[in-house]
């Protein structure tokens, strides 16, 4: 989706999107790459990340029976789309209950700006304006595939929302290999894995 933003901005005025027209397609991709890195870093610390206007990366926990009344507790990353987007566009996402003990941190624009040549205001403007563009795309019923570098792809198709995590990313989050084995049947549960 990021590759269609700059060409599509030609029709919008600078009053609506003051930051994106000043950035190249490569700049926008770089900023979102740093956003992805921030999300990966926080998830590696077992913290969720709230991206205002989009949703929250967090974890779900699941007990899997391995036989003889023994269980493995699996913690799997997940994405919960913002309720505002759900209500505004009538989106559907599988209901998954998350434990209340996982801390959720906000997306930190200062930390992200320190990773590259863009100041905090440019990073925040890029993120917020990209999400406005995403919301507009959803409102006109376009299928959306929004890539989080190294994490996975957020897919919104026909009003259904799925976050498809990359297998390599799931392996790095898991470490033990139990998660990857458990996810061999993930599609039966409605969870996406790419």
N, C-alpha and C. Protein backbone atom coordinates (compact mmCIF):
# COMPACT_ATOMS: atom_id res chain seq x y z
N UNK A 1 0.80 -1.19 0.00
CA UNK A 1 0.00 0.00 0.00
C UNK A 1 0.85 1.26 0.00
N UNK A 2 2.00 1.21 0.67
CA UNK A 2 2.84 2.40 0.75
C UNK A 2 3.28 2.89 -0.62
N UNK A 3 3.39 1.99 -1.59
CA UNK A 3 3.85 2.40 -2.91
C UNK A 3 2.80 3.19 -3.70
N UNK A 4 1.57 3.28 -3.21
CA UNK A 4 0.53 4.03 -3.92
C UNK A 4 0.22 5.37 -3.27
N UNK A 5 0.85 5.66 -2.15
CA UNK A 5 0.50 6.88 -1.42
C UNK A 5 0.90 8.14 -2.17
N UNK A 6 2.17 8.28 -2.50
CA UNK A 6 2.65 9.53 -3.10
C UNK A 6 1.92 9.82 -4.42
N UNK A 7 1.79 8.88 -5.35
CA UNK A 7 1.04 9.19 -6.57
C UNK A 7 -0.41 9.59 -6.30
N UNK A 8 -1.02 9.06 -5.29
CA UNK A 8 -2.42 9.36 -4.99
C UNK A 8 -2.60 10.73 -4.34
N UNK A 9 -1.53 11.30 -3.84
CA UNK A 9 -1.63 12.58 -3.14
C UNK A 9 -1.86 13.76 -4.07
N UNK A 10 -1.65 13.55 -5.35
CA UNK A 10 -1.77 14.63 -6.31
C UNK A 10 -3.15 15.29 -6.24
N UNK A 11 -4.18 14.51 -5.87
CA UNK A 11 -5.55 15.04 -5.85
C UNK A 11 -5.91 15.72 -4.54
N UNK A 12 -5.11 15.55 -3.51
CA UNK A 12 -5.43 16.12 -2.21
C UNK A 12 -4.62 17.39 -1.97
N UNK A 13 -5.21 18.32 -1.26
CA UNK A 13 -4.53 19.58 -0.98
C UNK A 13 -3.57 19.45 0.19
N UNK A 14 -2.66 20.40 0.31
CA UNK A 14 -1.68 20.38 1.40
C UNK A 14 -2.32 20.68 2.75
N UNK A 15 -3.57 21.23 2.74
CA UNK A 15 -4.24 21.49 4.01
C UNK A 15 -4.58 20.16 4.69
N UNK A 16 -4.95 19.16 3.91
CA UNK A 16 -5.35 17.87 4.46
C UNK A 16 -4.12 17.07 4.87
N UNK A 17 -3.12 17.02 4.01
CA UNK A 17 -1.91 16.24 4.25
C UNK A 17 -0.68 17.12 4.05
N UNK A 18 -0.26 17.84 5.10
CA UNK A 18 0.87 18.75 4.92
C UNK A 18 2.25 18.07 4.87
N UNK A 19 2.39 16.86 5.40
CA UNK A 19 3.71 16.23 5.51
C UNK A 19 4.03 15.33 4.32
N UNK A 20 3.11 14.44 3.96
CA UNK A 20 3.40 13.44 2.93
C UNK A 20 3.86 14.01 1.59
N UNK A 21 3.27 15.11 1.11
CA UNK A 21 3.75 15.63 -0.18
C UNK A 21 5.22 16.08 -0.17
N UNK A 22 5.77 16.31 1.02
CA UNK A 22 7.16 16.73 1.14
C UNK A 22 8.12 15.55 1.16
N UNK A 23 7.58 14.34 1.27
CA UNK A 23 8.40 13.14 1.39
C UNK A 23 8.36 12.33 0.10
N UNK A 24 9.47 11.66 -0.18
CA UNK A 24 9.49 10.74 -1.31
C UNK A 24 8.89 9.40 -0.88
N UNK A 25 8.60 8.56 -1.85
CA UNK A 25 8.10 7.22 -1.55
C UNK A 25 9.11 6.46 -0.67
N UNK A 26 10.38 6.64 -0.96
CA UNK A 26 11.44 6.00 -0.18
C UNK A 26 11.46 6.51 1.26
N UNK A 27 11.23 7.84 1.44
CA UNK A 27 11.18 8.41 2.78
C UNK A 27 10.04 7.79 3.61
N UNK A 28 8.87 7.68 2.99
CA UNK A 28 7.70 7.10 3.68
C UNK A 28 7.99 5.66 4.06
N UNK A 29 8.57 4.90 3.15
CA UNK A 29 8.91 3.50 3.44
C UNK A 29 9.95 3.40 4.56
N UNK A 30 10.91 4.30 4.56
CA UNK A 30 11.94 4.32 5.60
C UNK A 30 11.32 4.59 6.97
N UNK A 31 10.45 5.58 7.05
CA UNK A 31 9.80 5.91 8.32
C UNK A 31 8.98 4.73 8.82
N UNK A 32 8.21 4.10 7.93
CA UNK A 32 7.41 2.95 8.36
C UNK A 32 8.30 1.75 8.69
N UNK A 33 9.46 1.66 8.08
CA UNK A 33 10.42 0.62 8.46
C UNK A 33 10.89 0.83 9.89
N UNK A 34 11.12 2.10 10.27
CA UNK A 34 11.53 2.41 11.64
C UNK A 34 10.38 2.16 12.62
N UNK A 35 9.14 2.42 12.18
CA UNK A 35 7.97 2.10 13.01
C UNK A 35 7.95 0.59 13.27
N UNK A 36 8.15 -0.19 12.22
CA UNK A 36 8.18 -1.65 12.37
C UNK A 36 9.27 -2.09 13.32
N UNK A 37 10.46 -1.49 13.21
CA UNK A 37 11.57 -1.83 14.10
C UNK A 37 11.20 -1.53 15.56
N UNK A 38 10.53 -0.40 15.78
CA UNK A 38 10.11 -0.03 17.13
C UNK A 38 9.12 -1.07 17.68
N UNK A 39 8.16 -1.46 16.85
CA UNK A 39 7.16 -2.46 17.27
C UNK A 39 7.86 -3.78 17.60
N UNK A 40 8.80 -4.23 16.73
CA UNK A 40 9.53 -5.48 16.99
C UNK A 40 10.30 -5.39 18.30
N UNK A 41 10.94 -4.27 18.54
CA UNK A 41 11.73 -4.09 19.74
C UNK A 41 10.85 -4.19 20.99
N UNK A 42 9.71 -3.49 20.98
CA UNK A 42 8.82 -3.53 22.14
C UNK A 42 8.24 -4.93 22.34
N UNK A 43 7.86 -5.59 21.25
CA UNK A 43 7.34 -6.96 21.37
C UNK A 43 8.40 -7.90 21.93
N UNK A 44 9.67 -7.66 21.57
CA UNK A 44 10.74 -8.51 22.11
C UNK A 44 10.90 -8.32 23.62
N UNK A 45 10.44 -7.18 24.12
CA UNK A 45 10.45 -6.89 25.56
C UNK A 45 9.14 -7.34 26.22
N UNK A 46 8.30 -8.04 25.45
CA UNK A 46 6.99 -8.52 25.90
C UNK A 46 6.06 -7.38 26.26
N UNK A 47 6.14 -6.30 25.46
CA UNK A 47 5.23 -5.17 25.60
C UNK A 47 4.47 -5.01 24.29
N UNK A 48 3.23 -4.58 24.40
CA UNK A 48 2.44 -4.27 23.22
C UNK A 48 2.70 -2.84 22.80
N UNK A 49 2.30 -2.51 21.56
CA UNK A 49 2.46 -1.15 21.04
C UNK A 49 1.14 -0.68 20.45
N UNK A 50 0.68 0.48 20.91
CA UNK A 50 -0.53 1.08 20.37
C UNK A 50 -0.15 2.12 19.31
N UNK A 51 -0.66 1.94 18.11
CA UNK A 51 -0.46 2.91 17.03
C UNK A 51 -1.77 3.67 16.88
N UNK A 52 -1.80 4.94 17.31
CA UNK A 52 -3.05 5.69 17.28
C UNK A 52 -3.64 5.74 15.87
N UNK A 53 -4.92 5.46 15.79
CA UNK A 53 -5.61 5.49 14.51
C UNK A 53 -5.50 4.20 13.72
N UNK A 54 -4.75 3.23 14.20
CA UNK A 54 -4.61 1.96 13.49
C UNK A 54 -4.96 0.78 14.38
N UNK A 55 -4.30 0.64 15.51
CA UNK A 55 -4.58 -0.49 16.39
C UNK A 55 -3.41 -0.79 17.30
N UNK A 56 -3.43 -2.01 17.85
CA UNK A 56 -2.45 -2.39 18.86
C UNK A 56 -1.84 -3.74 18.55
N UNK A 57 -0.52 -3.79 18.56
CA UNK A 57 0.22 -5.05 18.53
C UNK A 57 0.35 -5.49 19.98
N UNK A 58 -0.01 -6.72 20.25
CA UNK A 58 0.09 -7.26 21.61
C UNK A 58 0.27 -8.77 21.51
N UNK A 59 -0.05 -9.47 22.57
CA UNK A 59 0.09 -10.92 22.60
C UNK A 59 -1.22 -11.56 23.05
N UNK A 60 -1.44 -12.77 22.59
CA UNK A 60 -2.48 -13.62 23.15
C UNK A 60 -1.77 -14.82 23.75
N UNK A 61 -2.40 -15.42 24.72
CA UNK A 61 -1.84 -16.63 25.33
C UNK A 61 -2.80 -17.77 25.11
N UNK A 62 -2.24 -18.92 24.87
CA UNK A 62 -3.05 -20.09 24.60
C UNK A 62 -2.40 -21.30 25.24
N UNK A 63 -3.22 -22.10 25.89
CA UNK A 63 -2.74 -23.36 26.47
C UNK A 63 -2.98 -24.45 25.44
N UNK A 64 -1.93 -25.19 25.13
CA UNK A 64 -2.06 -26.32 24.21
C UNK A 64 -1.77 -27.61 24.96
N UNK A 65 -2.69 -28.53 24.83
CA UNK A 65 -2.50 -29.82 25.49
C UNK A 65 -1.50 -30.64 24.69
N UNK A 66 -0.52 -31.20 25.39
CA UNK A 66 0.50 -32.03 24.74
C UNK A 66 0.37 -33.50 25.15
N UNK A 67 -0.66 -33.82 25.90
CA UNK A 67 -0.90 -35.19 26.32
C UNK A 67 -0.57 -35.41 27.78
N UNK A 68 -1.12 -36.48 28.36
CA UNK A 68 -0.89 -36.83 29.76
C UNK A 68 -1.19 -35.66 30.70
N UNK A 69 -2.27 -34.92 30.40
CA UNK A 69 -2.67 -33.75 31.20
C UNK A 69 -1.56 -32.71 31.33
N UNK A 70 -0.71 -32.59 30.32
CA UNK A 70 0.34 -31.57 30.30
C UNK A 70 -0.01 -30.54 29.24
N UNK A 71 0.36 -29.30 29.54
CA UNK A 71 0.05 -28.21 28.64
C UNK A 71 1.30 -27.38 28.37
N UNK A 72 1.31 -26.74 27.21
CA UNK A 72 2.33 -25.75 26.88
C UNK A 72 1.61 -24.41 26.79
N UNK A 73 2.15 -23.41 27.46
CA UNK A 73 1.59 -22.07 27.36
C UNK A 73 2.30 -21.34 26.23
N UNK A 74 1.54 -20.96 25.22
CA UNK A 74 2.12 -20.28 24.06
C UNK A 74 1.69 -18.82 24.07
N UNK A 75 2.64 -17.95 23.87
CA UNK A 75 2.35 -16.52 23.74
C UNK A 75 2.61 -16.16 22.29
N UNK A 76 1.58 -15.68 21.63
CA UNK A 76 1.65 -15.40 20.20
C UNK A 76 1.36 -13.93 19.94
N UNK A 77 2.17 -13.27 19.08
CA UNK A 77 1.86 -11.88 18.76
C UNK A 77 0.55 -11.79 17.99
N UNK A 78 -0.13 -10.69 18.17
CA UNK A 78 -1.37 -10.46 17.45
C UNK A 78 -1.56 -8.97 17.24
N UNK A 79 -2.47 -8.65 16.35
CA UNK A 79 -2.80 -7.25 16.08
C UNK A 79 -4.30 -7.07 16.25
N UNK A 80 -4.69 -6.04 16.99
CA UNK A 80 -6.09 -5.71 17.18
C UNK A 80 -6.33 -4.34 16.54
N UNK A 81 -7.18 -4.32 15.53
CA UNK A 81 -7.45 -3.06 14.82
C UNK A 81 -8.20 -2.10 15.74
N UNK A 82 -7.98 -0.81 15.55
CA UNK A 82 -8.62 0.21 16.38
C UNK A 82 -10.13 0.15 16.25
N UNK A 83 -10.81 0.24 17.39
CA UNK A 83 -12.27 0.18 17.41
C UNK A 83 -12.88 1.28 16.54
N UNK A 84 -12.23 2.43 16.49
CA UNK A 84 -12.74 3.54 15.66
C UNK A 84 -12.80 3.14 14.19
N UNK A 85 -11.76 2.45 13.70
CA UNK A 85 -11.77 1.97 12.31
C UNK A 85 -12.84 0.91 12.09
N UNK A 86 -13.01 0.04 13.08
CA UNK A 86 -14.04 -1.00 12.99
C UNK A 86 -15.41 -0.35 12.84
N UNK A 87 -15.71 0.61 13.70
CA UNK A 87 -17.02 1.26 13.67
C UNK A 87 -17.20 2.12 12.43
N UNK A 88 -16.17 2.87 12.07
CA UNK A 88 -16.27 3.78 10.93
C UNK A 88 -16.49 3.05 9.61
N UNK A 89 -15.82 1.90 9.46
CA UNK A 89 -15.86 1.19 8.18
C UNK A 89 -16.58 -0.15 8.23
N UNK A 90 -17.13 -0.50 9.37
CA UNK A 90 -17.83 -1.77 9.49
C UNK A 90 -16.93 -2.98 9.29
N UNK A 91 -15.71 -2.89 9.81
CA UNK A 91 -14.74 -3.98 9.64
C UNK A 91 -15.02 -5.12 10.61
N UNK A 92 -14.53 -6.31 10.23
CA UNK A 92 -14.69 -7.50 11.08
C UNK A 92 -13.31 -8.10 11.34
N UNK A 93 -13.08 -8.44 12.60
CA UNK A 93 -11.85 -9.11 12.99
C UNK A 93 -12.22 -10.19 14.00
N UNK A 94 -11.58 -11.35 13.90
CA UNK A 94 -11.85 -12.41 14.87
C UNK A 94 -11.63 -11.89 16.27
N UNK A 95 -12.55 -12.20 17.16
CA UNK A 95 -12.42 -11.79 18.56
C UNK A 95 -11.40 -12.70 19.24
N UNK A 96 -10.41 -12.10 19.82
CA UNK A 96 -9.41 -12.84 20.58
C UNK A 96 -9.23 -12.10 21.89
N UNK A 97 -9.20 -12.84 22.96
CA UNK A 97 -9.05 -12.23 24.27
C UNK A 97 -7.58 -12.20 24.65
N UNK A 98 -7.15 -11.05 25.10
CA UNK A 98 -5.75 -10.88 25.47
C UNK A 98 -5.65 -10.78 26.99
N UNK A 99 -4.55 -11.26 27.53
CA UNK A 99 -4.38 -11.13 28.98
C UNK A 99 -4.19 -9.66 29.35
N UNK A 100 -4.69 -9.30 30.50
CA UNK A 100 -4.61 -7.90 30.92
C UNK A 100 -3.28 -7.50 31.52
N UNK A 101 -2.35 -8.45 31.62
CA UNK A 101 -1.09 -8.14 32.29
C UNK A 101 0.03 -7.76 31.33
N UNK A 102 -0.27 -7.63 30.06
CA UNK A 102 0.76 -7.24 29.08
C UNK A 102 0.73 -5.71 28.95
N UNK A 103 1.83 -5.06 29.30
CA UNK A 103 1.84 -3.60 29.19
C UNK A 103 1.78 -3.15 27.73
N UNK A 104 1.04 -2.09 27.49
CA UNK A 104 0.91 -1.52 26.15
C UNK A 104 1.54 -0.13 26.19
N UNK A 105 2.50 0.11 25.30
CA UNK A 105 3.14 1.42 25.21
C UNK A 105 2.68 2.12 23.94
N UNK A 106 2.62 3.46 23.97
CA UNK A 106 2.26 4.17 22.75
C UNK A 106 3.43 4.20 21.77
N UNK A 107 3.12 4.36 20.50
CA UNK A 107 4.16 4.53 19.50
C UNK A 107 4.94 5.79 19.87
N UNK A 108 6.25 5.68 19.97
CA UNK A 108 7.08 6.78 20.45
C UNK A 108 7.75 7.45 19.25
N UNK A 109 7.19 8.58 18.84
CA UNK A 109 7.69 9.28 17.66
C UNK A 109 9.10 9.82 17.86
N UNK A 110 9.45 10.20 19.08
CA UNK A 110 10.81 10.69 19.36
C UNK A 110 11.82 9.57 19.13
N UNK A 111 11.55 8.39 19.71
CA UNK A 111 12.47 7.26 19.55
C UNK A 111 12.62 6.89 18.07
N UNK A 112 11.52 6.90 17.35
CA UNK A 112 11.56 6.55 15.93
C UNK A 112 12.36 7.59 15.14
N UNK A 113 12.20 8.86 15.50
CA UNK A 113 12.93 9.91 14.77
C UNK A 113 14.44 9.80 15.00
N UNK A 114 14.84 9.26 16.14
CA UNK A 114 16.27 9.10 16.42
C UNK A 114 16.92 8.04 15.54
N UNK A 115 16.12 7.18 14.92
CA UNK A 115 16.64 6.12 14.07
C UNK A 115 16.96 6.58 12.65
N UNK A 116 16.54 7.77 12.29
CA UNK A 116 16.77 8.22 10.92
C UNK A 116 16.93 9.72 10.84
N UNK A 117 16.92 10.25 9.62
CA UNK A 117 17.19 11.67 9.41
C UNK A 117 15.97 12.58 9.59
N UNK A 118 14.83 12.02 10.00
CA UNK A 118 13.60 12.80 10.07
C UNK A 118 13.31 13.23 11.50
N UNK A 119 12.85 14.49 11.65
CA UNK A 119 12.53 14.97 12.99
C UNK A 119 11.20 14.37 13.47
N UNK A 120 10.93 14.56 14.73
CA UNK A 120 9.74 13.98 15.36
C UNK A 120 8.46 14.39 14.65
N UNK A 121 8.31 15.67 14.31
CA UNK A 121 7.10 16.15 13.66
C UNK A 121 6.89 15.51 12.29
N UNK A 122 7.99 15.31 11.55
CA UNK A 122 7.89 14.68 10.24
C UNK A 122 7.46 13.22 10.39
N UNK A 123 8.05 12.52 11.36
CA UNK A 123 7.69 11.12 11.59
C UNK A 123 6.21 11.02 11.98
N UNK A 124 5.78 11.85 12.94
CA UNK A 124 4.39 11.80 13.38
C UNK A 124 3.44 12.17 12.23
N UNK A 125 3.80 13.21 11.48
CA UNK A 125 2.96 13.62 10.34
C UNK A 125 2.85 12.51 9.31
N UNK A 126 3.96 11.87 9.01
CA UNK A 126 3.97 10.78 8.03
C UNK A 126 3.06 9.64 8.50
N UNK A 127 3.20 9.23 9.75
CA UNK A 127 2.40 8.12 10.28
C UNK A 127 0.92 8.48 10.26
N UNK A 128 0.57 9.63 10.81
CA UNK A 128 -0.84 10.02 10.89
C UNK A 128 -1.47 10.20 9.51
N UNK A 129 -0.74 10.82 8.60
CA UNK A 129 -1.28 11.06 7.27
C UNK A 129 -1.37 9.76 6.46
N UNK A 130 -0.43 8.86 6.66
CA UNK A 130 -0.51 7.55 6.01
C UNK A 130 -1.76 6.82 6.49
N UNK A 131 -2.04 6.92 7.78
CA UNK A 131 -3.21 6.25 8.32
C UNK A 131 -4.51 6.90 7.85
N UNK A 132 -4.50 8.21 7.59
CA UNK A 132 -5.66 8.85 6.97
C UNK A 132 -5.87 8.31 5.56
N UNK A 133 -4.78 8.15 4.84
CA UNK A 133 -4.84 7.59 3.49
C UNK A 133 -5.36 6.16 3.54
N UNK A 134 -4.90 5.38 4.52
CA UNK A 134 -5.37 4.01 4.69
C UNK A 134 -6.88 4.00 4.96
N UNK A 135 -7.35 4.87 5.84
CA UNK A 135 -8.77 4.95 6.16
C UNK A 135 -9.59 5.32 4.93
N UNK A 136 -9.06 6.24 4.13
CA UNK A 136 -9.75 6.62 2.89
C UNK A 136 -9.83 5.43 1.94
N UNK A 137 -8.75 4.67 1.85
CA UNK A 137 -8.73 3.49 0.97
C UNK A 137 -9.77 2.47 1.43
N UNK A 138 -9.89 2.28 2.73
CA UNK A 138 -10.89 1.35 3.27
C UNK A 138 -12.29 1.85 2.96
N UNK A 139 -12.50 3.17 3.09
CA UNK A 139 -13.84 3.74 2.90
C UNK A 139 -14.34 3.57 1.47
N UNK A 140 -13.43 3.49 0.50
CA UNK A 140 -13.87 3.29 -0.89
C UNK A 140 -13.76 1.82 -1.29
N UNK A 141 -13.71 0.97 -0.26
CA UNK A 141 -13.75 -0.49 -0.43
C UNK A 141 -12.57 -1.07 -1.18
N UNK A 142 -11.42 -0.40 -1.12
CA UNK A 142 -10.21 -0.96 -1.71
C UNK A 142 -9.66 -2.03 -0.78
N UNK A 143 -9.09 -3.07 -1.36
CA UNK A 143 -8.37 -4.05 -0.56
C UNK A 143 -7.05 -3.43 -0.14
N UNK A 144 -6.68 -3.64 1.09
CA UNK A 144 -5.47 -3.02 1.64
C UNK A 144 -4.53 -4.12 2.12
N UNK A 145 -3.27 -3.99 1.76
CA UNK A 145 -2.20 -4.83 2.30
C UNK A 145 -1.12 -3.88 2.79
N UNK A 146 -1.01 -3.79 4.10
CA UNK A 146 -0.08 -2.86 4.73
C UNK A 146 1.03 -3.66 5.39
N UNK A 147 2.25 -3.50 4.87
CA UNK A 147 3.38 -4.30 5.32
C UNK A 147 4.10 -3.64 6.48
N UNK A 148 4.34 -4.44 7.52
CA UNK A 148 5.21 -4.04 8.61
C UNK A 148 6.48 -4.84 8.43
N UNK A 149 7.54 -4.14 8.03
CA UNK A 149 8.81 -4.77 7.69
C UNK A 149 9.29 -5.73 8.77
N UNK A 150 9.53 -6.98 8.37
CA UNK A 150 10.06 -7.97 9.29
C UNK A 150 9.04 -8.56 10.25
N UNK A 151 7.78 -8.08 10.20
CA UNK A 151 6.74 -8.56 11.12
C UNK A 151 5.67 -9.33 10.35
N UNK A 152 5.07 -8.67 9.37
CA UNK A 152 4.00 -9.30 8.62
C UNK A 152 3.20 -8.29 7.82
N UNK A 153 2.04 -8.73 7.35
CA UNK A 153 1.20 -7.90 6.49
C UNK A 153 -0.20 -7.81 7.09
N UNK A 154 -0.67 -6.58 7.28
CA UNK A 154 -2.04 -6.34 7.70
C UNK A 154 -2.88 -6.33 6.43
N UNK A 155 -3.84 -7.24 6.37
CA UNK A 155 -4.68 -7.38 5.18
C UNK A 155 -6.11 -7.02 5.55
N UNK A 156 -6.69 -6.08 4.78
CA UNK A 156 -8.09 -5.72 4.94
C UNK A 156 -8.74 -5.96 3.58
N UNK A 157 -9.57 -6.98 3.54
CA UNK A 157 -10.19 -7.39 2.28
C UNK A 157 -11.66 -7.69 2.53
N UNK A 158 -12.52 -7.05 1.76
CA UNK A 158 -13.98 -7.26 1.89
C UNK A 158 -14.46 -7.04 3.32
N UNK A 159 -13.88 -6.06 3.99
CA UNK A 159 -14.28 -5.72 5.35
C UNK A 159 -13.73 -6.62 6.43
N UNK A 160 -12.94 -7.61 6.06
CA UNK A 160 -12.32 -8.52 7.03
C UNK A 160 -10.88 -8.12 7.28
N UNK A 161 -10.47 -8.17 8.54
CA UNK A 161 -9.12 -7.76 8.94
C UNK A 161 -8.35 -8.98 9.41
N UNK A 162 -7.14 -9.15 8.87
CA UNK A 162 -6.24 -10.22 9.33
C UNK A 162 -4.82 -9.67 9.33
N UNK A 163 -4.10 -10.01 10.38
CA UNK A 163 -2.68 -9.72 10.42
C UNK A 163 -1.98 -11.04 10.16
N UNK A 164 -1.23 -11.09 9.07
CA UNK A 164 -0.50 -12.30 8.71
C UNK A 164 0.97 -12.11 9.07
N UNK A 165 1.36 -12.74 10.14
CA UNK A 165 2.74 -12.63 10.60
C UNK A 165 3.64 -13.53 9.76
N UNK A 166 4.84 -13.07 9.50
CA UNK A 166 5.83 -13.87 8.79
C UNK A 166 6.29 -15.01 9.69
N UNK A 167 6.48 -16.19 9.10
CA UNK A 167 6.95 -17.35 9.86
C UNK A 167 8.29 -17.06 10.52
N UNK A 168 9.19 -16.40 9.80
CA UNK A 168 10.51 -16.08 10.37
C UNK A 168 10.37 -15.21 11.62
N UNK A 169 9.45 -14.26 11.58
CA UNK A 169 9.24 -13.40 12.74
C UNK A 169 8.69 -14.22 13.91
N UNK A 170 7.73 -15.10 13.64
CA UNK A 170 7.17 -15.93 14.70
C UNK A 170 8.24 -16.81 15.34
N UNK A 171 9.16 -17.29 14.51
CA UNK A 171 10.26 -18.12 15.06
C UNK A 171 11.15 -17.29 15.98
N UNK A 172 11.42 -16.05 15.63
CA UNK A 172 12.27 -15.22 16.49
C UNK A 172 11.56 -14.87 17.79
N UNK A 173 10.25 -14.70 17.74
CA UNK A 173 9.50 -14.38 18.95
C UNK A 173 9.44 -15.58 19.87
N UNK A 174 9.33 -16.76 19.29
CA UNK A 174 9.13 -17.99 20.06
C UNK A 174 10.42 -18.51 20.69
N UNK A 175 11.42 -18.74 19.87
CA UNK A 175 12.67 -19.27 20.40
C UNK A 175 12.67 -20.76 20.63
N UNK A 176 11.63 -21.30 21.29
CA UNK A 176 11.60 -22.73 21.62
C UNK A 176 11.15 -23.60 20.46
N UNK A 177 10.47 -23.02 19.48
CA UNK A 177 9.93 -23.79 18.38
C UNK A 177 8.53 -24.30 18.63
N UNK A 178 8.04 -24.18 19.85
CA UNK A 178 6.70 -24.68 20.18
C UNK A 178 5.61 -23.89 19.45
N UNK A 179 5.81 -22.59 19.30
CA UNK A 179 4.81 -21.77 18.63
C UNK A 179 4.68 -22.16 17.17
N UNK A 180 5.79 -22.32 16.48
CA UNK A 180 5.74 -22.68 15.06
C UNK A 180 5.02 -24.01 14.86
N UNK A 181 5.29 -24.98 15.74
CA UNK A 181 4.62 -26.27 15.62
C UNK A 181 3.13 -26.12 15.89
N UNK A 182 2.79 -25.32 16.87
CA UNK A 182 1.38 -25.14 17.22
C UNK A 182 0.61 -24.43 16.12
N UNK A 183 1.30 -23.61 15.37
CA UNK A 183 0.62 -22.83 14.33
C UNK A 183 0.45 -23.59 13.02
N UNK A 184 0.86 -24.82 12.98
CA UNK A 184 0.64 -25.59 11.75
C UNK A 184 -0.84 -25.71 11.44
N UNK A 185 -1.67 -25.61 12.47
CA UNK A 185 -3.12 -25.64 12.27
C UNK A 185 -3.73 -24.26 12.46
N UNK A 186 -2.94 -23.21 12.33
CA UNK A 186 -3.41 -21.85 12.62
C UNK A 186 -4.56 -21.43 11.73
N UNK A 187 -4.56 -21.84 10.50
CA UNK A 187 -5.63 -21.42 9.59
C UNK A 187 -6.98 -21.95 10.05
N UNK A 188 -6.98 -23.08 10.73
CA UNK A 188 -8.24 -23.63 11.23
C UNK A 188 -8.81 -22.77 12.34
N UNK A 189 -7.94 -22.00 12.98
CA UNK A 189 -8.38 -21.13 14.07
C UNK A 189 -8.66 -19.71 13.58
N UNK A 190 -8.45 -19.44 12.30
CA UNK A 190 -8.65 -18.09 11.77
C UNK A 190 -7.47 -17.17 11.97
N UNK A 191 -6.32 -17.70 12.36
CA UNK A 191 -5.13 -16.88 12.55
C UNK A 191 -4.30 -16.94 11.28
N UNK A 192 -3.73 -15.82 10.88
CA UNK A 192 -2.95 -15.80 9.64
C UNK A 192 -1.47 -15.93 9.86
N UNK A 193 -0.84 -16.73 9.04
CA UNK A 193 0.60 -16.87 9.05
C UNK A 193 1.05 -16.84 7.60
N UNK A 194 2.07 -16.04 7.30
CA UNK A 194 2.58 -15.95 5.93
C UNK A 194 3.90 -16.67 5.86
